[in-house]
PDB file of N, CA and C in Angstrom:
ATOM      1  N   MET A   1    -154.471 -64.770-188.224  1.00  0.00           N
ATOM      2  CA  MET A   1    -154.654 -65.784-189.235  1.00  0.00           C
ATOM      3  C   MET A   1    -153.544 -65.617-190.268  1.00  0.00           C
ATOM      4  N   THR A   2    -152.964 -66.713-190.645  1.00  0.00           N
ATOM      5  CA  THR A   2    -151.854 -66.653-191.589  1.00  0.00           C
ATOM      6  C   THR A   2    -152.385 -66.609-193.017  1.00  0.00           C
ATOM      7  N   GLU A   3    -151.474 -66.322-193.870  1.00  0.00           N
ATOM      8  CA  GLU A   3    -151.821 -66.259-195.293  1.00  0.00           C
ATOM      9  C   GLU A   3    -152.243 -67.642-195.797  1.00  0.00           C
ATOM     10  N   GLN A   4    -151.622 -68.668-195.280  1.00  0.00           N
ATOM     11  CA  GLN A   4    -151.961 -70.045-195.638  1.00  0.00           C
ATOM     12  C   GLN A   4    -153.399 -70.371-195.212  1.00  0.00           C
ATOM     13  N   ASP A   5    -153.774 -69.969-194.015  1.00  0.00           N
ATOM     14  CA  ASP A   5    -155.143 -70.212-193.524  1.00  0.00           C
ATOM     15  C   ASP A   5    -156.169 -69.475-194.379  1.00  0.00           C
ATOM     16  N   GLN A   6    -155.875 -68.238-194.724  1.00  0.00           N
ATOM     17  CA  GLN A   6    -156.788 -67.451-195.556  1.00  0.00           C
ATOM     18  C   GLN A   6    -156.963 -68.099-196.931  1.00  0.00           C
ATOM     19  N   TYR A   7    -155.856 -68.590-197.463  1.00  0.00           N
ATOM     20  CA  TYR A   7    -155.921 -69.273-198.755  1.00  0.00           C
ATOM     21  C   TYR A   7    -156.819 -70.507-198.669  1.00  0.00           C
ATOM     22  N   LEU A   8    -156.664 -71.308-197.623  1.00  0.00           N
ATOM     23  CA  LEU A   8    -157.482 -72.505-197.449  1.00  0.00           C
ATOM     24  C   LEU A   8    -158.958 -72.158-197.293  1.00  0.00           C
ATOM     25  N   ILE A   9    -159.257 -71.098-196.564  1.00  0.00           N
ATOM     26  CA  ILE A   9    -160.640 -70.661-196.375  1.00  0.00           C
ATOM     27  C   ILE A   9    -161.231 -70.207-197.700  1.00  0.00           C
ATOM     28  N   ASP A  10    -160.479 -69.430-198.458  1.00  0.00           N
ATOM     29  CA  ASP A  10    -160.961 -68.978-199.772  1.00  0.00           C
ATOM     30  C   ASP A  10    -161.176 -70.159-200.715  1.00  0.00           C
ATOM     31  N   GLU A  11    -160.252 -71.109-200.683  1.00  0.00           N
ATOM     32  CA  GLU A  11    -160.381 -72.305-201.519  1.00  0.00           C
ATOM     33  C   GLU A  11    -161.626 -73.098-201.120  1.00  0.00           C
ATOM     34  N   PHE A  12    -161.867 -73.219-199.817  1.00  0.00           N
ATOM     35  CA  PHE A  12    -163.043 -73.926-199.305  1.00  0.00           C
ATOM     36  C   PHE A  12    -164.330 -73.234-199.761  1.00  0.00           C
ATOM     37  N   LYS A  13    -164.368 -71.906-199.657  1.00  0.00           N
ATOM     38  CA  LYS A  13    -165.541 -71.143-200.083  1.00  0.00           C
ATOM     39  C   LYS A  13    -165.805 -71.351-201.580  1.00  0.00           C
ATOM     40  N   THR A  14    -164.733 -71.331-202.358  1.00  0.00           N
ATOM     41  CA  THR A  14    -164.867 -71.512-203.803  1.00  0.00           C
ATOM     42  C   THR A  14    -165.450 -72.892-204.117  1.00  0.00           C
ATOM     43  N   ARG A  15    -164.950 -73.901-203.440  1.00  0.00           N
ATOM     44  CA  ARG A  15    -165.446 -75.266-203.679  1.00  0.00           C
ATOM     45  C   ARG A  15    -166.905 -75.411-203.227  1.00  0.00           C
ATOM     46  N   ILE A  16    -167.254 -74.763-202.133  1.00  0.00           N
ATOM     47  CA  ILE A  16    -168.641 -74.807-201.655  1.00  0.00           C
ATOM     48  C   ILE A  16    -169.558 -74.163-202.698  1.00  0.00           C
ATOM     49  N   ARG A  17    -169.153 -73.003-203.259  1.00  0.00           N
ATOM     50  CA  ARG A  17    -169.959 -72.337-204.291  1.00  0.00           C
ATOM     51  C   ARG A  17    -170.117 -73.240-205.511  1.00  0.00           C
ATOM     52  N   LEU A  18    -169.022 -73.919-205.898  1.00  0.00           N
ATOM     53  CA  LEU A  18    -169.094 -74.840-207.034  1.00  0.00           C
ATOM     54  C   LEU A  18    -170.060 -75.990-206.747  1.00  0.00           C
ATOM     55  N   LEU A  19    -170.006 -76.521-205.539  1.00  0.00           N
ATOM     56  CA  LEU A  19    -170.913 -77.612-205.168  1.00  0.00           C
ATOM     57  C   LEU A  19    -172.364 -77.151-205.163  1.00  0.00           C
ATOM     58  N   ILE A  20    -172.605 -75.957-204.658  1.00  0.00           N
ATOM     59  CA  ILE A  20    -173.967 -75.414-204.648  1.00  0.00           C
ATOM     60  C   ILE A  20    -174.461 -75.217-206.076  1.00  0.00           C
ATOM     61  N   GLY A  21    -173.591 -74.694-206.935  1.00  0.00           N
ATOM     62  CA  GLY A  21    -173.948 -74.515-208.341  1.00  0.00           C
ATOM     63  C   GLY A  21    -174.246 -75.835-209.008  1.00  0.00           C
ATOM     64  N   LYS A  22    -173.432 -76.851-208.728  1.00  0.00           N
ATOM     65  CA  LYS A  22    -173.656 -78.175-209.302  1.00  0.00           C
ATOM     66  C   LYS A  22    -174.959 -78.777-208.786  1.00  0.00           C
ATOM     67  N   GLN A  23    -175.236 -78.580-207.490  1.00  0.00           N
ATOM     68  CA  GLN A  23    -176.475 -79.088-206.918  1.00  0.00           C
ATOM     69  C   GLN A  23    -177.687 -78.443-207.591  1.00  0.00           C
ATOM     70  N   ASN A  24    -177.636 -77.140-207.776  1.00  0.00           N
ATOM     71  CA  ASN A  24    -178.742 -76.442-208.444  1.00  0.00           C
ATOM     72  C   ASN A  24    -178.916 -76.930-209.874  1.00  0.00           C
ATOM     73  N   SER A  25    -177.804 -77.151-210.543  1.00  0.00           N
ATOM     74  CA  SER A  25    -177.855 -77.655-211.911  1.00  0.00           C
ATOM     75  C   SER A  25    -178.491 -79.049-211.947  1.00  0.00           C
ATOM     76  N   LEU A  26    -178.106 -79.898-211.014  1.00  0.00           N
ATOM     77  CA  LEU A  26    -178.660 -81.249-210.959  1.00  0.00           C
ATOM     78  C   LEU A  26    -180.135 -81.232-210.580  1.00  0.00           C
ATOM     79  N   LYS A  27    -180.538 -80.327-209.706  1.00  0.00           N
ATOM     80  CA  LYS A  27    -181.952 -80.195-209.362  1.00  0.00           C
ATOM     81  C   LYS A  27    -182.763 -79.811-210.594  1.00  0.00           C
ATOM     82  N   SER A  28    -182.234 -78.878-211.353  1.00  0.00           N
ATOM     83  CA  SER A  28    -182.907 -78.445-212.570  1.00  0.00           C
ATOM     84  C   SER A  28    -183.020 -79.593-213.566  1.00  0.00           C
ATOM     85  N   GLU A  29    -181.928 -80.314-213.743  1.00  0.00           N
ATOM     86  CA  GLU A  29    -181.926 -81.446-214.669  1.00  0.00           C
ATOM     87  C   GLU A  29    -182.907 -82.521-214.203  1.00  0.00           C
ATOM     88  N   ASN A  30    -182.940 -82.756-212.900  1.00  0.00           N
ATOM     89  CA  ASN A  30    -183.869 -83.744-212.341  1.00  0.00           C
ATOM     90  C   ASN A  30    -185.319 -83.334-212.612  1.00  0.00           C
ATOM     91  N   GLY A  31    -185.623 -82.059-212.452  1.00  0.00           N
ATOM     92  CA  GLY A  31    -186.968 -81.562-212.739  1.00  0.00           C
ATOM     93  C   GLY A  31    -187.340 -81.774-214.196  1.00  0.00           C
ATOM     94  N   GLN A  32    -186.405 -81.500-215.082  1.00  0.00           N
ATOM     95  CA  GLN A  32    -186.651 -81.698-216.508  1.00  0.00           C
ATOM     96  C   GLN A  32    -186.874 -83.171-216.827  1.00  0.00           C
ATOM     97  N   LEU A  33    -186.076 -84.033-216.207  1.00  0.00           N
ATOM     98  CA  LEU A  33    -186.229 -85.469-216.449  1.00  0.00           C
ATOM     99  C   LEU A  33    -187.557 -85.986-215.905  1.00  0.00           C
ATOM    100  N   LEU A  34    -187.986 -85.478-214.761  1.00  0.00           N
ATOM    101  CA  LEU A  34    -189.289 -85.878-214.218  1.00  0.00           C
ATOM    102  C   LEU A  34    -190.425 -85.442-215.135  1.00  0.00           C
ATOM    103  N   GLU A  35    -190.316 -84.238-215.665  1.00  0.00           N
ATOM    104  CA  GLU A  35    -191.333 -83.744-216.607  1.00  0.00           C
ATOM    105  C   GLU A  35    -191.341 -84.599-217.871  1.00  0.00           C
ATOM    106  N   GLN A  36    -190.169 -84.940-218.353  1.00  0.00           N
ATOM    107  CA  GLN A  36    -190.065 -85.785-219.545  1.00  0.00           C
ATOM    108  C   GLN A  36    -190.669 -87.164-219.260  1.00  0.00           C
ATOM    109  N   LEU A  37    -190.410 -87.695-218.074  1.00  0.00           N
ATOM    110  CA  LEU A  37    -190.980 -88.984-217.690  1.00  0.00           C
ATOM    111  C   LEU A  37    -192.500 -88.926-217.664  1.00  0.00           C
ATOM    112  N   ARG A  38    -193.062 -87.857-217.084  1.00  0.00           N
ATOM    113  CA  ARG A  38    -194.520 -87.702-217.057  1.00  0.00           C
ATOM    114  C   ARG A  38    -195.089 -87.655-218.475  1.00  0.00           C
ATOM    115  N   ASN A  39    -194.431 -86.897-219.337  1.00  0.00           N
ATOM    116  CA  ASN A  39    -194.891 -86.792-220.728  1.00  0.00           C
ATOM    117  C   ASN A  39    -194.858 -88.152-221.425  1.00  0.00           C
ATOM    118  N   LEU A  40    -193.779 -88.901-221.205  1.00  0.00           N
ATOM    119  CA  LEU A  40    -193.673 -90.219-221.838  1.00  0.00           C
ATOM    120  C   LEU A  40    -194.705 -91.187-221.279  1.00  0.00           C
ATOM    121  N   GLN A  41    -195.000 -91.082-219.984  1.00  0.00           N
ATOM    122  CA  GLN A  41    -196.030 -91.937-219.399  1.00  0.00           C
ATOM    123  C   GLN A  41    -197.400 -91.594-219.968  1.00  0.00           C
ATOM    124  N   ASP A  42    -197.676 -90.316-220.144  1.00  0.00           N
ATOM    125  CA  ASP A  42    -198.943 -89.906-220.753  1.00  0.00           C
ATOM    126  C   ASP A  42    -199.041 -90.424-222.188  1.00  0.00           C
ATOM    127  N   GLU A  43    -197.950 -90.291-222.928  1.00  0.00           N
ATOM    128  CA  GLU A  43    -197.931 -90.754-224.318  1.00  0.00           C
ATOM    129  C   GLU A  43    -198.127 -92.271-224.371  1.00  0.00           C
ATOM    130  N   LEU A  44    -197.495 -92.991-223.449  1.00  0.00           N
ATOM    131  CA  LEU A  44    -197.651 -94.438-223.397  1.00  0.00           C
ATOM    132  C   LEU A  44    -199.098 -94.819-223.108  1.00  0.00           C
ATOM    133  N   ALA A  45    -199.740 -94.101-222.193  1.00  0.00           N
ATOM    134  CA  ALA A  45    -201.147 -94.385-221.877  1.00  0.00           C
ATOM    135  C   ALA A  45    -202.025 -94.156-223.106  1.00  0.00           C
ATOM    136  N   LYS A  46    -201.756 -93.079-223.842  1.00  0.00           N
ATOM    137  CA  LYS A  46    -202.528 -92.809-225.064  1.00  0.00           C
ATOM    138  C   LYS A  46    -202.322 -93.908-226.094  1.00  0.00           C
ATOM    139  N   ILE A  47    -201.088 -94.353-226.239  1.00  0.00           N
ATOM    140  CA  ILE A  47    -200.780 -95.396-227.218  1.00  0.00           C
ATOM    141  C   ILE A  47    -201.455 -96.706-226.816  1.00  0.00           C
ATOM    142  N   ARG A  48    -201.473 -97.002-225.526  1.00  0.00           N
ATOM    143  CA  ARG A  48    -202.142 -98.224-225.068  1.00  0.00           C
ATOM    144  C   ARG A  48    -203.637 -98.170-225.355  1.00  0.00           C
ATOM    145  N   LYS A  49    -204.258 -97.005-225.115  1.00  0.00           N
ATOM    146  CA  LYS A  49    -205.688 -96.864-225.417  1.00  0.00           C
ATOM    147  C   LYS A  49    -205.937 -97.030-226.909  1.00  0.00           C
ATOM    148  N   GLU A  50    -205.084 -96.413-227.703  1.00  0.00           N
ATOM    149  CA  GLU A  50    -205.224 -96.527-229.157  1.00  0.00           C
ATOM    150  C   GLU A  50    -205.054 -97.981-229.589  1.00  0.00           C
ATOM    151  N   ASN A  51    -204.113 -98.672-228.975  1.00  0.00           N
ATOM    152  CA  ASN A  51    -203.898-100.086-229.291  1.00  0.00           C
ATOM    153  C   ASN A  51    -205.141-100.904-228.951  1.00  0.00           C
ATOM    154  N   GLU A  52    -205.751-100.635-227.799  1.00  0.00           N
ATOM    155  CA  GLU A  52    -206.965-101.353-227.421  1.00  0.00           C
ATOM    156  C   GLU A  52    -208.074-101.116-228.447  1.00  0.00           C
ATOM    157  N   LEU A  53    -208.219 -99.872-228.879  1.00  0.00           N
ATOM    158  CA  LEU A  53    -209.238 -99.565-229.886  1.00  0.00           C
ATOM    159  C   LEU A  53    -208.964-100.299-231.195  1.00  0.00           C
ATOM    160  N   LEU A  54    -207.704-100.323-231.596  1.00  0.00           N
ATOM    161  CA  LEU A  54    -207.350-101.008-232.838  1.00  0.00           C
ATOM    162  C   LEU A  54    -207.589-102.514-232.733  1.00  0.00           C
ATOM    163  N   VAL A  55    -207.302-103.087-231.570  1.00  0.00           N
ATOM    164  CA  VAL A  55    -207.555-104.521-231.382  1.00  0.00           C
ATOM    165  C   VAL A  55    -209.052-104.795-231.464  1.00  0.00           C
ATOM    166  N   LYS A  56    -209.862-103.932-230.850  1.00  0.00           N
ATOM    167  CA  LYS A  56    -211.320-104.102-230.924  1.00  0.00           C
ATOM    168  C   LYS A  56    -211.804-103.986-232.374  1.00  0.00           C
ATOM    169  N   LYS A  57    -211.281-103.008-233.094  1.00  0.00           N
ATOM    170  CA  LYS A  57    -211.669-102.850-234.495  1.00  0.00           C
ATOM    171  C   LYS A  57    -211.273-104.076-235.308  1.00  0.00           C
ATOM    172  N   TYR A  58    -210.090-104.594-235.039  1.00  0.00           N
ATOM    173  CA  TYR A  58    -209.620-105.783-235.751  1.00  0.00           C
ATOM    174  C   TYR A  58    -210.533-106.968-235.467  1.00  0.00           C
ATOM    175  N   ASP A  59    -210.890-107.140-234.194  1.00  0.00           N
ATOM    176  CA  ASP A  59    -211.805-108.236-233.846  1.00  0.00           C
ATOM    177  C   ASP A  59    -213.153-108.057-234.531  1.00  0.00           C
ATOM    178  N   ASN A  60    -213.637-106.825-234.585  1.00  0.00           N
ATOM    179  CA  ASN A  60    -214.906-106.556-235.274  1.00  0.00           C
ATOM    180  C   ASN A  60    -214.806-106.866-236.766  1.00  0.00           C
ATOM    181  N   LEU A  61    -213.670-106.532-237.354  1.00  0.00           N
ATOM    182  CA  LEU A  61    -213.476-106.839-238.774  1.00  0.00           C
ATOM    183  C   LEU A  61    -213.433-108.345-239.016  1.00  0.00           C
ATOM    184  N   LYS A  62    -212.787-109.073-238.121  1.00  0.00           N
ATOM    185  CA  LYS A  62    -212.759-110.523-238.262  1.00  0.00           C
ATOM    186  C   LYS A  62    -214.174-111.084-238.166  1.00  0.00           C
ATOM    187  N   LEU A  63    -214.948-110.569-237.234  1.00  0.00           N
ATOM    188  CA  LEU A  63    -216.327-111.028-237.079  1.00  0.00           C
ATOM    189  C   LEU A  63    -217.150-110.675-238.312  1.00  0.00           C
ATOM    190  N   ALA A  64    -216.965-109.478-238.835  1.00  0.00           N
ATOM    191  CA  ALA A  64    -217.691-109.058-240.035  1.00  0.00           C
ATOM    192  C   ALA A  64    -217.322-109.942-241.215  1.00  0.00           C
ATOM    193  N   LYS A  65    -216.063-110.336-241.277  1.00  0.00           N
ATOM    194  CA  LYS A  65    -215.625-111.208-242.371  1.00  0.00           C
ATOM    195  C   LYS A  65    -216.341-112.550-242.302  1.00  0.00           C
ATOM    196  N   VAL A  66    -216.579-113.023-241.094  1.00  0.00           N
ATOM    197  CA  VAL A  66    -217.296-114.297-240.936  1.00  0.00           C
ATOM    198  C   VAL A  66    -218.696-114.172-241.501  1.00  0.00           C
ATOM    199  N   PHE A  67    -219.353-113.057-241.245  1.00  0.00           N
ATOM    200  CA  PHE A  67    -220.720-112.879-241.730  1.00  0.00           C
ATOM    201  C   PHE A  67    -220.783-112.641-243.234  1.00  0.00           C
ATOM    202  N   MET A  68    -219.698-112.185-243.814  1.00  0.00           N
ATOM    203  CA  MET A  68    -219.669-111.919-245.251  1.00  0.00           C
ATOM    204  C   MET A  68    -219.113-113.111-246.032  1.00  0.00           C
ATOM    205  N   ALA A  69    -218.877-114.204-245.368  1.00  0.00           N
ATOM    206  CA  ALA A  69    -218.250-115.363-245.990  1.00  0.00           C
ATOM    207  C   ALA A  69    -219.225-116.087-246.920  1.00  0.00           C
ATOM    208  N   SER A  70    -218.680-117.016-247.663  1.00  0.00           N
ATOM    209  CA  SER A  70    -219.499-117.828-248.579  1.00  0.00           C
ATOM    210  C   SER A  70    -220.369-118.784-247.765  1.00  0.00           C
ATOM    211  N   ASP A  71    -221.251-119.497-248.470  1.00  0.00           N
ATOM    212  CA  ASP A  71    -222.170-120.415-247.800  1.00  0.00           C
ATOM    213  C   ASP A  71    -221.422-121.491-247.014  1.00  0.00           C
ATOM    214  N   ASP A  72    -220.378-122.046-247.618  1.00  0.00           N
ATOM    215  CA  ASP A  72    -219.591-123.079-246.929  1.00  0.00           C
ATOM    216  C   ASP A  72    -218.941-122.504-245.665  1.00  0.00           C
ATOM    217  N   GLU A  73    -218.397-121.320-245.808  1.00  0.00           N
ATOM    218  CA  GLU A  73    -217.751-120.684-244.660  1.00  0.00           C
ATOM    219  C   GLU A  73    -218.779-120.321-243.594  1.00  0.00           C
ATOM    220  N   LYS A  74    -219.973-119.911-244.052  1.00  0.00           N
ATOM    221  CA  LYS A  74    -221.036-119.582-243.106  1.00  0.00           C
ATOM    222  C   LYS A  74    -221.447-120.825-242.334  1.00  0.00           C
ATOM    223  N   GLN A  75    -221.574-121.933-243.052  1.00  0.00           N
ATOM    224  CA  GLN A  75    -221.956-123.182-242.396  1.00  0.00           C
ATOM    225  C   GLN A  75    -220.896-123.578-241.372  1.00  0.00           C
ATOM    226  N   ASP A  76    -219.630-123.428-241.742  1.00  0.00           N
ATOM    227  CA  ASP A  76    -218.535-123.755-240.833  1.00  0.00           C
ATOM    228  C   ASP A  76    -218.581-122.844-239.596  1.00  0.00           C
ATOM    229  N   ALA A  77    -218.828-121.576-239.821  1.00  0.00           N
ATOM    230  CA  ALA A  77    -218.906-120.627-238.708  1.00  0.00           C
ATOM    231  C   ALA A  77    -220.080-120.959-237.800  1.00  0.00           C
ATOM    232  N   LYS A  78    -221.219-121.328-238.397  1.00  0.00           N
ATOM    233  CA  LYS A  78    -222.391-121.709-237.601  1.00  0.00           C
ATOM    234  C   LYS A  78    -222.083-122.925-236.747  1.00  0.00           C
ATOM    235  N   GLN A  79    -221.386-123.892-237.334  1.00  0.00           N
ATOM    236  CA  GLN A  79    -221.024-125.089-236.582  1.00  0.00           C
ATOM    237  C   GLN A  79    -220.109-124.746-235.411  1.00  0.00           C
ATOM    238  N   ARG A  80    -219.148-123.855-235.652  1.00  0.00           N
ATOM    239  CA  ARG A  80    -218.245-123.438-234.580  1.00  0.00           C
ATOM    240  C   ARG A  80    -219.010-122.734-233.467  1.00  0.00           C
ATOM    241  N   ILE A  81    -219.924-121.854-233.861  1.00  0.00           N
ATOM    242  CA  ILE A  81    -220.725-121.126-232.867  1.00  0.00           C
ATOM    243  C   ILE A  81    -221.600-122.097-232.086  1.00  0.00           C
ATOM    244  N   THR A  82    -222.195-123.040-232.772  1.00  0.00           N
ATOM    245  CA  THR A  82    -223.032-124.050-232.107  1.00  0.00           C
ATOM    246  C   THR A  82    -222.192-124.850-231.115  1.00  0.00           C
ATOM    247  N   LYS A  83    -221.003-125.232-231.527  1.00  0.00           N
ATOM    248  CA  LYS A  83    -220.105-125.983-230.646  1.00  0.00           C
ATOM    249  C   LYS A  83    -219.752-125.157-229.408  1.00  0.00           C
ATOM    250  N   ILE A  84    -219.457-123.883-229.599  1.00  0.00           N
ATOM    251  CA  ILE A  84    -219.115-123.009-228.478  1.00  0.00           C
ATOM    252  C   ILE A  84    -220.305-122.870-227.537  1.00  0.00           C
ATOM    253  N   VAL A  85    -221.497-122.712-228.098  1.00  0.00           N
ATOM    254  CA  VAL A  85    -222.708-122.583-227.275  1.00  0.00           C
ATOM    255  C   VAL A  85    -222.924-123.861-226.463  1.00  0.00           C
ATOM    256  N   ARG A  86    -222.710-125.024-227.079  1.00  0.00           N
ATOM    257  CA  ARG A  86    -222.852-126.292-226.355  1.00  0.00           C
ATOM    258  C   ARG A  86    -221.863-126.370-225.195  1.00  0.00           C
ATOM    259  N   GLU A  87    -220.612-125.952-225.452  1.00  0.00           N
ATOM    260  CA  GLU A  87    -219.597-125.964-224.397  1.00  0.00           C
ATOM    261  C   GLU A  87    -219.991-125.029-223.255  1.00  0.00           C
ATOM    262  N   ILE A  88    -220.531-123.878-223.593  1.00  0.00           N
ATOM    263  CA  ILE A  88    -220.980-122.929-222.568  1.00  0.00           C
ATOM    264  C   ILE A  88    -222.133-123.530-221.770  1.00  0.00           C
ATOM    265  N   ASP A  89    -223.061-124.180-222.470  1.00  0.00           N
ATOM    266  CA  ASP A  89    -224.184-124.827-221.787  1.00  0.00           C
ATOM    267  C   ASP A  89    -223.687-125.906-220.825  1.00  0.00           C
ATOM    268  N   LYS A  90    -222.683-126.684-221.254  1.00  0.00           N
ATOM    269  CA  LYS A  90    -222.117-127.702-220.377  1.00  0.00           C
ATOM    270  C   LYS A  90    -221.496-127.075-219.124  1.00  0.00           C
ATOM    271  N   CYS A  91    -220.783-125.983-219.323  1.00  0.00           N
ATOM    272  CA  CYS A  91    -220.163-125.293-218.193  1.00  0.00           C
ATOM    273  C   CYS A  91    -221.227-124.781-217.217  1.00  0.00           C
ATOM    274  N   ILE A  92    -222.285-124.210-217.764  1.00  0.00           N
ATOM    275  CA  ILE A  92    -223.368-123.709-216.921  1.00  0.00           C
ATOM    276  C   ILE A  92    -224.018-124.855-216.162  1.00  0.00           C
ATOM    277  N   ALA A  93    -224.224-125.985-216.839  1.00  0.00           N
ATOM    278  CA  ALA A  93    -224.819-127.152-216.194  1.00  0.00           C
ATOM    279  C   ALA A  93    -223.928-127.648-215.053  1.00  0.00           C
ATOM    280  N   GLN A  94    -222.625-127.634-215.263  1.00  0.00           N
ATOM    281  CA  GLN A  94    -221.710-128.081-214.212  1.00  0.00           C
ATOM    282  C   GLN A  94    -221.706-127.119-213.034  1.00  0.00           C
ATOM    283  N   LEU A  95    -221.882-125.843-213.301  1.00  0.00           N
ATOM    284  CA  LEU A  95    -221.943-124.858-212.224  1.00  0.00           C
ATOM    285  C   LEU A  95    -223.221-125.008-211.410  1.00  0.00           C
ATOM    286  N   ASN A  96    -224.286-125.448-212.047  1.00  0.00           N
ATOM    287  CA  ASN A  96    -225.575-125.594-211.360  1.00  0.00           C
ATOM    288  C   ASN A  96    -225.637-126.858-210.505  1.00  0.00           C
ATOM    289  N   VAL A  97    -224.704-127.759-210.716  1.00  0.00           N
ATOM    290  CA  VAL A  97    -224.734-129.034-209.957  1.00  0.00           C
ATOM    291  C   VAL A  97    -224.302-128.824-208.530  1.00  0.00           C
TER     292      VAL A  97
END
């Protein structure tokens, strides 16, 4: 084997070691990114649940405000509820036909 061949073999080995090192580094980085993704997905799920709770609380507050309204507002709310009940009754009647 010539000196040139030995040099090429050594150069090849060095590049292979560098590639293996880079691959290991990328595997590690990929693992970290996957863990970060899982954490962010968990956090997103928690935020969505919290958002749902806040929306429910907001709806409850709006409903409570209707019940705490003045007489005129109460009458208006009663009329709206009566109208909604009539519409529901009509829908039920149409389903029964």
